[in-house]
Amino acid sequence: MYNKKKFAIAALTAGVVVYGQSALAEINLRAIGIVSTHLHHTELEKEFYANLADTTGLDISVNFNPLDVVGVNMQDTLRLVRSGAFDVVETTIGSAARDDPFVEGLDLIGVSPDIDTLKEVVGVYRAPLEERVAERFGARVMSLWPFGPQVFFCKGDVDGVQDLDGLRVRSYTPSMSALVEYLGATPVTMQFAEVYPALQRGVAECAVTSPTSANTGNWPEVTDSLVMHGISWSVQGHFMNLDTWNRLSPEAQVALDAAYQELEDQFWDMARNLTDEAVNCTIGGDDCHGYNPFNMTLKEPSDGDIHLVNEAVEAVVLQTWGNTCNNNYPECSRIWNETVGELRGLTIE
C-alpha cells in the first residue's frame, strides 16, 4: 500500500529538493473538472490549476475545462481517465458506481449523519477505495471531499420525507434510489444539468442535491420547499491516470500530493462553511451574500422523518448495495463491514 506520508518523509530525508523546478521535467496535464454551474467550487478549482506551477514549483501546465464545457457525461469520467483521454478528472463518487458499486460505499445513504462522521468514514474507507480505483480504473485518488449535505428541493408544500410518497424524485446513486423507493416515491435518475428543466416541466416534483449546488443552479426558481434532511454528502474526488502518475518523478509526485491535499482541505472547509450561507440566501434570510436570494420555505426533519430514513438504511439501503456490490466484487461487503461498518456499528449480512 502506497503511504503518502512515509514517502514524503523518505524523499525529504534522502535530500530530495521537492520544489526544485530545475531538477524536474516539464509536465503537461489534460484535466476536466467540476460542472461550471457550481460557481464557488469551480472558481477554486480553476484557481488551483492556474497556480499549480507556483504552488508546487514544478514546470507544469494544465489544459483545464469544466465537465460541461467539454460536453462530458459525469458517468463517463473514470472511463476517460482510464483510457488516458484525460490525465485528471473530477467526478461525483456516486456517478462512478454505475461501473463499480464498490466506490459508492464511501457515501451510502443515511450512514454519515453529519460532516464529522463523514470525515471519519472517508478516512477508514480511503485505503481500500484507492486500491480498487487503481485496479478497476487504472487511476490514483488525488482528493476526496464533499459538496455538502444532500437535501430535498420540492415543488409545492412538502414538509418532510414522509410526504414524498407518490412523488417523482431526482436521484443520482443506486442507494439513493433504494431510499426513494422505500419512501413510496419514484426515483428519476438524471445529471445535474438536466434537473432544472425537469422540475420546470414537472418530470420530477423533487430533487436531491446540496444547498450550495441548488442555489447556484437556480433550482429555487422552480421549487418551493427546502427539506433540510441530509441523506448523504455527494462525495467528490480528483483522479489521475496511473500511467501519467507513474511517469512523474518522485519529486513531482510528492509536490502534487501536497497540492491536492491542500485543495481537498479547502473543499472540506467549503462544505462546512458555505452551506449555511447558501441556505440563508435560498430562504430569503437577511444579510444574504455570496449566493442568489430566493424565498423558499425551510422544512426541518421531524423525529418521524429521521426514524423513517434510519429504518430504510437497515431495511433496504445497505442490503441492496451489498448484494449489487458483491455480485461485482465478492470482497465488497466484507471490506465495508470491516471499515465503515465497524466505525458506524452497521453490518451488511
Protein backbone atom coordinates (compact mmCIF):
# COMPACT_ATOMS: atom_id res chain seq x y z
CA MET A 1 0.00 0.00 0.00
CA TYR A 2 1.35 3.35 -1.02
CA ASN A 3 1.79 5.56 2.06
CA LYS A 4 1.98 9.23 1.11
CA LYS A 5 3.28 10.43 4.46
CA LYS A 6 6.08 7.86 4.65
CA PHE A 7 7.01 8.53 1.04
CA ALA A 8 7.24 12.27 1.61
CA ILE A 9 9.39 11.82 4.70
CA ALA A 10 11.67 9.37 2.93
CA ALA A 11 12.11 11.70 -0.02
CA LEU A 12 12.97 14.65 2.17
CA THR A 13 15.30 12.58 4.36
CA ALA A 14 17.18 11.48 1.26
CA GLY A 15 17.86 15.10 0.45
CA VAL A 16 15.49 15.43 -2.47
CA VAL A 17 14.68 19.04 -3.27
CA VAL A 18 10.95 18.60 -3.72
CA TYR A 19 10.29 22.06 -5.06
CA GLY A 20 13.45 22.43 -7.09
CA GLN A 21 11.94 23.12 -10.51
CA SER A 22 15.28 22.98 -12.34
CA ALA A 23 15.60 19.28 -11.49
CA LEU A 24 12.14 18.39 -12.79
CA ALA A 25 10.91 17.68 -16.31
CA GLU A 26 8.13 19.63 -17.96
CA ILE A 27 4.65 18.26 -17.13
CA ASN A 28 1.57 18.78 -19.28
CA LEU A 29 -1.80 17.64 -17.97
CA ARG A 30 -5.26 17.49 -19.53
CA ALA A 31 -7.89 17.93 -16.84
CA ILE A 32 -11.67 18.13 -16.63
CA GLY A 33 -13.33 19.48 -13.54
CA ILE A 34 -16.45 20.47 -11.67
CA VAL A 35 -19.57 21.47 -13.62
CA SER A 36 -19.36 25.22 -14.17
CA THR A 37 -22.72 25.99 -12.51
CA HIS A 38 -21.11 25.16 -9.14
CA LEU A 39 -19.67 28.66 -9.12
CA HIS A 40 -17.66 28.78 -5.88
CA HIS A 41 -16.27 25.27 -6.31
CA THR A 42 -15.40 25.85 -9.96
CA GLU A 43 -13.59 29.09 -9.14
CA LEU A 44 -11.48 27.33 -6.52
CA GLU A 45 -10.62 24.53 -8.92
CA LYS A 46 -9.73 26.96 -11.71
CA GLU A 47 -7.50 28.91 -9.33
CA PHE A 48 -5.86 25.68 -8.19
CA TYR A 49 -4.84 24.68 -11.72
CA ALA A 50 -3.90 28.20 -12.76
CA ASN A 51 -1.50 28.46 -9.82
CA LEU A 52 -0.30 24.85 -9.74
CA ALA A 53 3.14 25.67 -11.13
CA ASP A 54 3.74 28.33 -8.48
CA THR A 55 2.24 26.18 -5.71
CA THR A 56 4.43 23.16 -6.47
CA GLY A 57 7.50 24.75 -8.02
CA LEU A 58 7.09 22.32 -10.92
CA ASP A 59 7.38 23.11 -14.61
CA ILE A 60 3.75 22.19 -15.13
CA SER A 61 0.91 23.35 -17.37
CA VAL A 62 -2.70 22.20 -17.22
CA ASN A 63 -5.25 22.33 -20.00
CA PHE A 64 -8.32 22.58 -17.76
CA ASN A 65 -12.03 22.78 -18.58
CA PRO A 66 -15.19 22.17 -16.54
CA LEU A 67 -17.05 18.98 -17.31
CA ASP A 68 -19.97 20.62 -19.09
CA VAL A 69 -17.73 22.83 -21.21
CA VAL A 70 -16.17 19.79 -22.90
CA GLY A 71 -19.54 18.03 -23.10
CA VAL A 72 -18.60 15.01 -20.99
CA ASN A 73 -21.17 13.00 -19.06
CA MET A 74 -20.07 12.65 -15.44
CA GLN A 75 -20.76 8.93 -15.52
CA ASP A 76 -18.03 8.57 -18.13
CA THR A 77 -15.28 10.42 -16.27
CA LEU A 78 -13.44 7.46 -14.74
CA ARG A 79 -13.64 5.64 -18.06
CA LEU A 80 -11.98 8.63 -19.70
CA VAL A 81 -9.17 8.77 -17.16
CA ARG A 82 -8.70 5.01 -17.51
CA SER A 83 -8.39 5.33 -21.28
CA GLY A 84 -5.90 8.19 -20.96
CA ALA A 85 -8.18 10.63 -22.80
CA PHE A 86 -7.63 12.89 -19.78
CA ASP A 87 -4.85 12.85 -17.23
CA VAL A 88 -7.01 14.12 -14.36
CA VAL A 89 -10.77 14.08 -13.86
CA GLU A 90 -13.04 15.35 -11.11
CA THR A 91 -16.19 13.35 -10.53
CA THR A 92 -19.00 12.50 -8.14
CA ILE A 93 -18.28 9.19 -6.45
CA GLY A 94 -21.89 8.10 -6.82
CA SER A 95 -21.77 8.58 -10.59
CA ALA A 96 -18.87 6.14 -10.86
CA ALA A 97 -20.98 3.48 -9.13
CA ARG A 98 -22.51 2.58 -12.47
CA ASP A 99 -19.20 0.97 -13.41
CA ASP A 100 -18.19 -0.21 -9.94
CA PRO A 101 -20.62 -0.21 -6.98
CA PHE A 102 -17.73 -0.50 -4.51
CA VAL A 103 -16.93 3.21 -4.79
CA GLU A 104 -20.40 4.16 -3.53
CA GLY A 105 -19.58 2.52 -0.20
CA LEU A 106 -17.85 5.77 0.71
CA ASP A 107 -21.13 7.70 0.85
CA LEU A 108 -24.07 5.36 1.34
CA ILE A 109 -27.42 6.91 2.11
CA GLY A 110 -28.02 7.56 5.80
CA VAL A 111 -24.65 6.25 7.02
CA SER A 112 -22.97 9.60 7.79
CA PRO A 113 -25.45 11.90 9.54
CA ASP A 114 -23.00 14.79 9.97
CA ILE A 115 -19.83 16.05 8.36
CA ASP A 116 -17.54 14.98 11.20
CA THR A 117 -18.81 11.41 10.88
CA LEU A 118 -18.33 11.60 7.11
CA LYS A 119 -14.72 12.66 7.62
CA GLU A 120 -14.14 9.54 9.72
CA VAL A 121 -15.89 7.34 7.14
CA VAL A 122 -13.73 8.72 4.34
CA GLY A 123 -10.67 8.09 6.50
CA VAL A 124 -11.36 4.39 7.08
CA TYR A 125 -12.59 3.63 3.54
CA ARG A 126 -9.95 5.59 1.67
CA ALA A 127 -7.25 2.90 1.51
CA PRO A 128 -9.47 0.13 0.07
CA LEU A 129 -11.05 2.67 -2.28
CA GLU A 130 -7.61 3.68 -3.55
CA GLU A 131 -6.74 0.04 -4.20
CA ARG A 132 -9.99 -0.63 -6.00
CA VAL A 133 -9.80 2.51 -8.17
CA ALA A 134 -6.24 1.62 -9.17
CA GLU A 135 -7.29 -1.91 -10.11
CA ARG A 136 -10.60 -1.11 -11.76
CA PHE A 137 -9.90 2.22 -13.44
CA GLY A 138 -6.11 2.47 -13.62
CA ALA A 139 -6.34 5.70 -11.65
CA ARG A 140 -4.93 7.22 -8.49
CA VAL A 141 -7.09 9.04 -5.93
CA MET A 142 -5.75 12.58 -5.55
CA SER A 143 -8.52 14.07 -3.39
CA LEU A 144 -11.80 13.16 -1.67
CA TRP A 145 -14.24 15.77 -0.34
CA PRO A 146 -17.98 16.52 -0.06
CA PHE A 147 -20.15 19.17 -1.69
CA GLY A 148 -22.37 19.29 1.38
CA PRO A 149 -25.49 17.66 2.80
CA GLN A 150 -27.75 16.26 0.11
CA VAL A 151 -31.24 17.56 0.82
CA PHE A 152 -34.60 17.76 -0.95
CA PHE A 153 -35.83 20.63 -3.14
CA CYS A 154 -39.53 20.14 -3.88
CA LYS A 155 -42.34 21.81 -5.77
CA GLY A 156 -45.32 22.73 -3.63
CA ASP A 157 -45.71 22.23 0.11
CA VAL A 158 -43.64 19.23 1.23
CA ASP A 159 -42.97 19.05 4.97
CA GLY A 160 -40.54 16.11 5.06
CA VAL A 161 -39.53 12.76 3.63
CA GLN A 162 -42.80 11.22 4.83
CA ASP A 163 -44.54 13.43 2.24
CA LEU A 164 -42.56 12.05 -0.70
CA ASP A 165 -44.93 9.10 -1.17
CA GLY A 166 -46.20 9.15 -4.75
CA LEU A 167 -43.81 11.84 -5.96
CA ARG A 168 -41.07 11.59 -8.58
CA VAL A 169 -37.69 12.41 -7.06
CA ARG A 170 -34.43 13.04 -8.86
CA SER A 171 -31.80 10.57 -7.67
CA TYR A 172 -28.23 10.02 -8.82
CA THR A 173 -26.95 6.94 -6.95
CA PRO A 174 -28.34 3.40 -6.58
CA SER A 175 -28.55 3.63 -2.78
CA MET A 176 -30.40 6.94 -3.06
CA SER A 177 -32.87 5.32 -5.43
CA ALA A 178 -33.36 2.48 -2.91
CA LEU A 179 -34.27 5.04 -0.24
CA VAL A 180 -36.62 6.92 -2.57
CA GLU A 181 -38.45 3.71 -3.43
CA TYR A 182 -38.71 2.76 0.25
CA LEU A 183 -40.38 6.12 0.88
CA GLY A 184 -43.00 5.29 -1.75
CA ALA A 185 -41.62 7.71 -4.32
CA THR A 186 -40.32 7.07 -7.83
CA PRO A 187 -36.60 7.71 -8.43
CA VAL A 188 -35.75 9.57 -11.61
CA THR A 189 -32.06 9.34 -12.46
CA MET A 190 -30.60 12.36 -14.23
CA GLN A 191 -27.50 14.53 -14.40
CA PHE A 192 -27.36 17.84 -12.52
CA ALA A 193 -27.75 19.94 -15.65
CA GLU A 194 -30.98 18.10 -16.52
CA VAL A 195 -32.69 18.76 -13.20
CA TYR A 196 -33.82 22.39 -13.61
CA PRO A 197 -35.81 21.78 -16.81
CA ALA A 198 -37.15 18.50 -15.37
CA LEU A 199 -38.51 20.33 -12.33
CA GLN A 200 -39.79 23.14 -14.51
CA ARG A 201 -41.70 20.75 -16.80
CA GLY A 202 -42.95 18.50 -13.99
CA VAL A 203 -40.87 15.50 -14.98
CA ALA A 204 -39.91 15.42 -11.29
CA GLU A 205 -41.53 17.02 -8.26
CA CYS A 206 -38.44 16.87 -6.02
CA ALA A 207 -34.71 16.63 -6.49
CA VAL A 208 -31.73 15.95 -4.26
CA THR A 209 -28.55 18.00 -4.12
CA SER A 210 -26.62 20.30 -1.76
CA PRO A 211 -27.91 23.78 -0.84
CA THR A 212 -24.84 25.35 -2.46
CA SER A 213 -25.31 23.49 -5.75
CA ALA A 214 -29.04 24.10 -5.92
CA ASN A 215 -28.68 27.81 -5.25
CA THR A 216 -26.04 28.42 -7.92
CA GLY A 217 -28.01 26.17 -10.27
CA ASN A 218 -31.15 28.30 -9.64
CA TRP A 219 -33.29 25.36 -8.55
CA PRO A 220 -35.23 27.61 -6.13
CA GLU A 221 -36.76 29.29 -9.19
CA VAL A 222 -38.71 26.09 -9.87
CA THR A 223 -39.17 24.68 -6.33
CA ASP A 224 -40.89 25.85 -3.15
CA SER A 225 -39.93 23.64 -0.17
CA LEU A 226 -36.38 23.09 1.07
CA VAL A 227 -36.46 19.91 3.15
CA MET A 228 -33.20 20.06 5.14
CA HIS A 229 -32.91 16.33 5.77
CA GLY A 230 -29.36 15.44 4.77
CA ILE A 231 -29.21 11.87 3.47
CA SER A 232 -25.68 11.83 2.03
CA TRP A 233 -22.87 14.21 1.04
CA SER A 234 -22.15 13.93 -2.70
CA VAL A 235 -18.53 12.99 -2.09
CA GLN A 236 -16.31 14.12 -4.95
CA GLY A 237 -12.80 13.20 -5.98
CA HIS A 238 -9.94 14.05 -8.28
CA PHE A 239 -8.41 11.06 -10.04
CA MET A 240 -5.19 10.86 -12.05
CA ASN A 241 -4.39 8.28 -14.72
CA LEU A 242 -1.88 5.84 -13.20
CA ASP A 243 0.36 5.85 -16.26
CA THR A 244 0.53 9.65 -16.01
CA TRP A 245 1.30 9.40 -12.30
CA ASN A 246 3.98 6.75 -12.76
CA ARG A 247 5.76 8.84 -15.39
CA LEU A 248 6.26 11.62 -12.86
CA SER A 249 9.47 11.88 -10.90
CA PRO A 250 9.30 11.12 -7.15
CA GLU A 251 9.82 14.84 -6.53
CA ALA A 252 6.87 15.77 -8.71
CA GLN A 253 4.67 13.13 -7.05
CA VAL A 254 5.40 14.49 -3.59
CA ALA A 255 4.73 18.07 -4.71
CA LEU A 256 1.45 17.20 -6.43
CA ASP A 257 0.28 15.13 -3.47
CA ALA A 258 0.84 18.12 -1.19
CA ALA A 259 -1.01 20.44 -3.57
CA TYR A 260 -4.05 18.19 -3.94
CA GLN A 261 -4.16 17.66 -0.17
CA GLU A 262 -4.38 21.41 0.30
CA LEU A 263 -7.15 21.57 -2.32
CA GLU A 264 -9.00 18.78 -0.55
CA ASP A 265 -8.77 20.64 2.77
CA GLN A 266 -10.17 23.78 1.16
CA PHE A 267 -13.14 21.90 -0.27
CA TRP A 268 -13.88 20.36 3.14
CA ASP A 269 -13.83 23.85 4.61
CA MET A 270 -16.29 24.98 1.92
CA ALA A 271 -18.64 22.12 2.76
CA ARG A 272 -18.56 23.16 6.42
CA ASN A 273 -18.88 26.90 5.94
CA LEU A 274 -20.85 27.63 2.78
CA THR A 275 -23.92 25.50 3.42
CA ASP A 276 -25.38 27.90 6.00
CA GLU A 277 -24.78 30.87 3.71
CA ALA A 278 -26.49 29.13 0.80
CA VAL A 279 -29.49 28.11 2.93
CA ASN A 280 -29.83 31.63 4.32
CA CYS A 281 -29.97 33.12 0.84
CA THR A 282 -32.23 30.38 -0.51
CA ILE A 283 -34.91 31.04 2.12
CA GLY A 284 -34.70 34.82 1.83
CA GLY A 285 -32.77 35.46 5.01
CA ASP A 286 -31.20 38.76 5.99
CA ASP A 287 -27.62 39.63 5.11
CA CYS A 288 -27.52 37.36 2.08
CA HIS A 289 -24.18 37.41 0.30
CA GLY A 290 -22.25 35.00 -1.88
CA TYR A 291 -25.38 33.29 -3.21
CA ASN A 292 -28.56 34.18 -5.05
CA PRO A 293 -31.52 35.42 -2.95
CA PHE A 294 -34.71 33.37 -3.14
CA ASN A 295 -37.75 32.80 -0.95
CA MET A 296 -38.12 29.06 -0.39
CA THR A 297 -39.79 27.65 2.73
CA LEU A 298 -37.41 25.80 5.05
CA LYS A 299 -38.61 22.47 6.44
CA GLU A 300 -36.58 20.78 9.17
CA PRO A 301 -36.76 16.97 9.54
CA SER A 302 -39.14 15.63 12.17
CA ASP A 303 -38.36 12.76 14.51
CA GLY A 304 -40.59 10.63 12.31
CA ASP A 305 -38.57 11.56 9.22
CA ILE A 306 -35.30 10.66 10.93
CA HIS A 307 -36.70 7.33 12.13
CA LEU A 308 -38.01 6.52 8.65
CA VAL A 309 -34.67 7.15 6.95
CA ASN A 310 -32.79 5.14 9.58
CA GLU A 311 -35.30 2.33 9.09
CA ALA A 312 -34.69 2.45 5.33
CA VAL A 313 -30.91 2.21 5.81
CA GLU A 314 -31.28 -1.03 7.76
CA ALA A 315 -34.12 -2.44 5.65
CA VAL A 316 -33.04 -1.77 2.08
CA VAL A 317 -30.10 0.59 1.54
CA LEU A 318 -27.27 -1.49 2.98
CA GLN A 319 -28.53 -4.84 1.74
CA THR A 320 -29.39 -3.60 -1.73
CA TRP A 321 -25.96 -2.05 -2.14
CA GLY A 322 -24.22 -5.05 -0.59
CA ASN A 323 -25.90 -7.54 -2.93
CA THR A 324 -25.14 -5.45 -6.01
CA CYS A 325 -21.57 -4.80 -4.97
CA ASN A 326 -20.83 -8.41 -4.01
CA ASN A 327 -22.02 -9.60 -7.42
CA ASN A 328 -19.41 -7.32 -8.95
CA TYR A 329 -16.67 -7.71 -6.32
CA PRO A 330 -17.03 -10.65 -3.87
CA GLU A 331 -14.98 -8.94 -1.15
CA CYS A 332 -17.17 -5.85 -1.16
CA SER A 333 -19.40 -6.21 1.90
CA ARG A 334 -16.61 -7.81 3.95
CA ILE A 335 -14.35 -4.82 3.36
CA TRP A 336 -17.18 -2.38 4.07
CA ASN A 337 -18.12 -4.18 7.29
CA GLU A 338 -14.51 -4.10 8.49
CA THR A 339 -14.12 -0.38 7.79
CA VAL A 340 -17.23 1.79 7.63
CA GLY A 341 -19.48 -0.80 9.24
CA GLU A 342 -17.22 -1.22 12.24
CA LEU A 343 -16.94 2.54 12.62
CA ARG A 344 -20.70 3.13 12.42
CA GLY A 345 -21.94 -0.02 14.16
CA LEU A 346 -23.63 -1.32 11.00
CA THR A 347 -23.39 -4.71 9.29
CA ILE A 348 -24.26 -5.94 5.84
CA GLU A 349 -25.31 -9.58 6.17
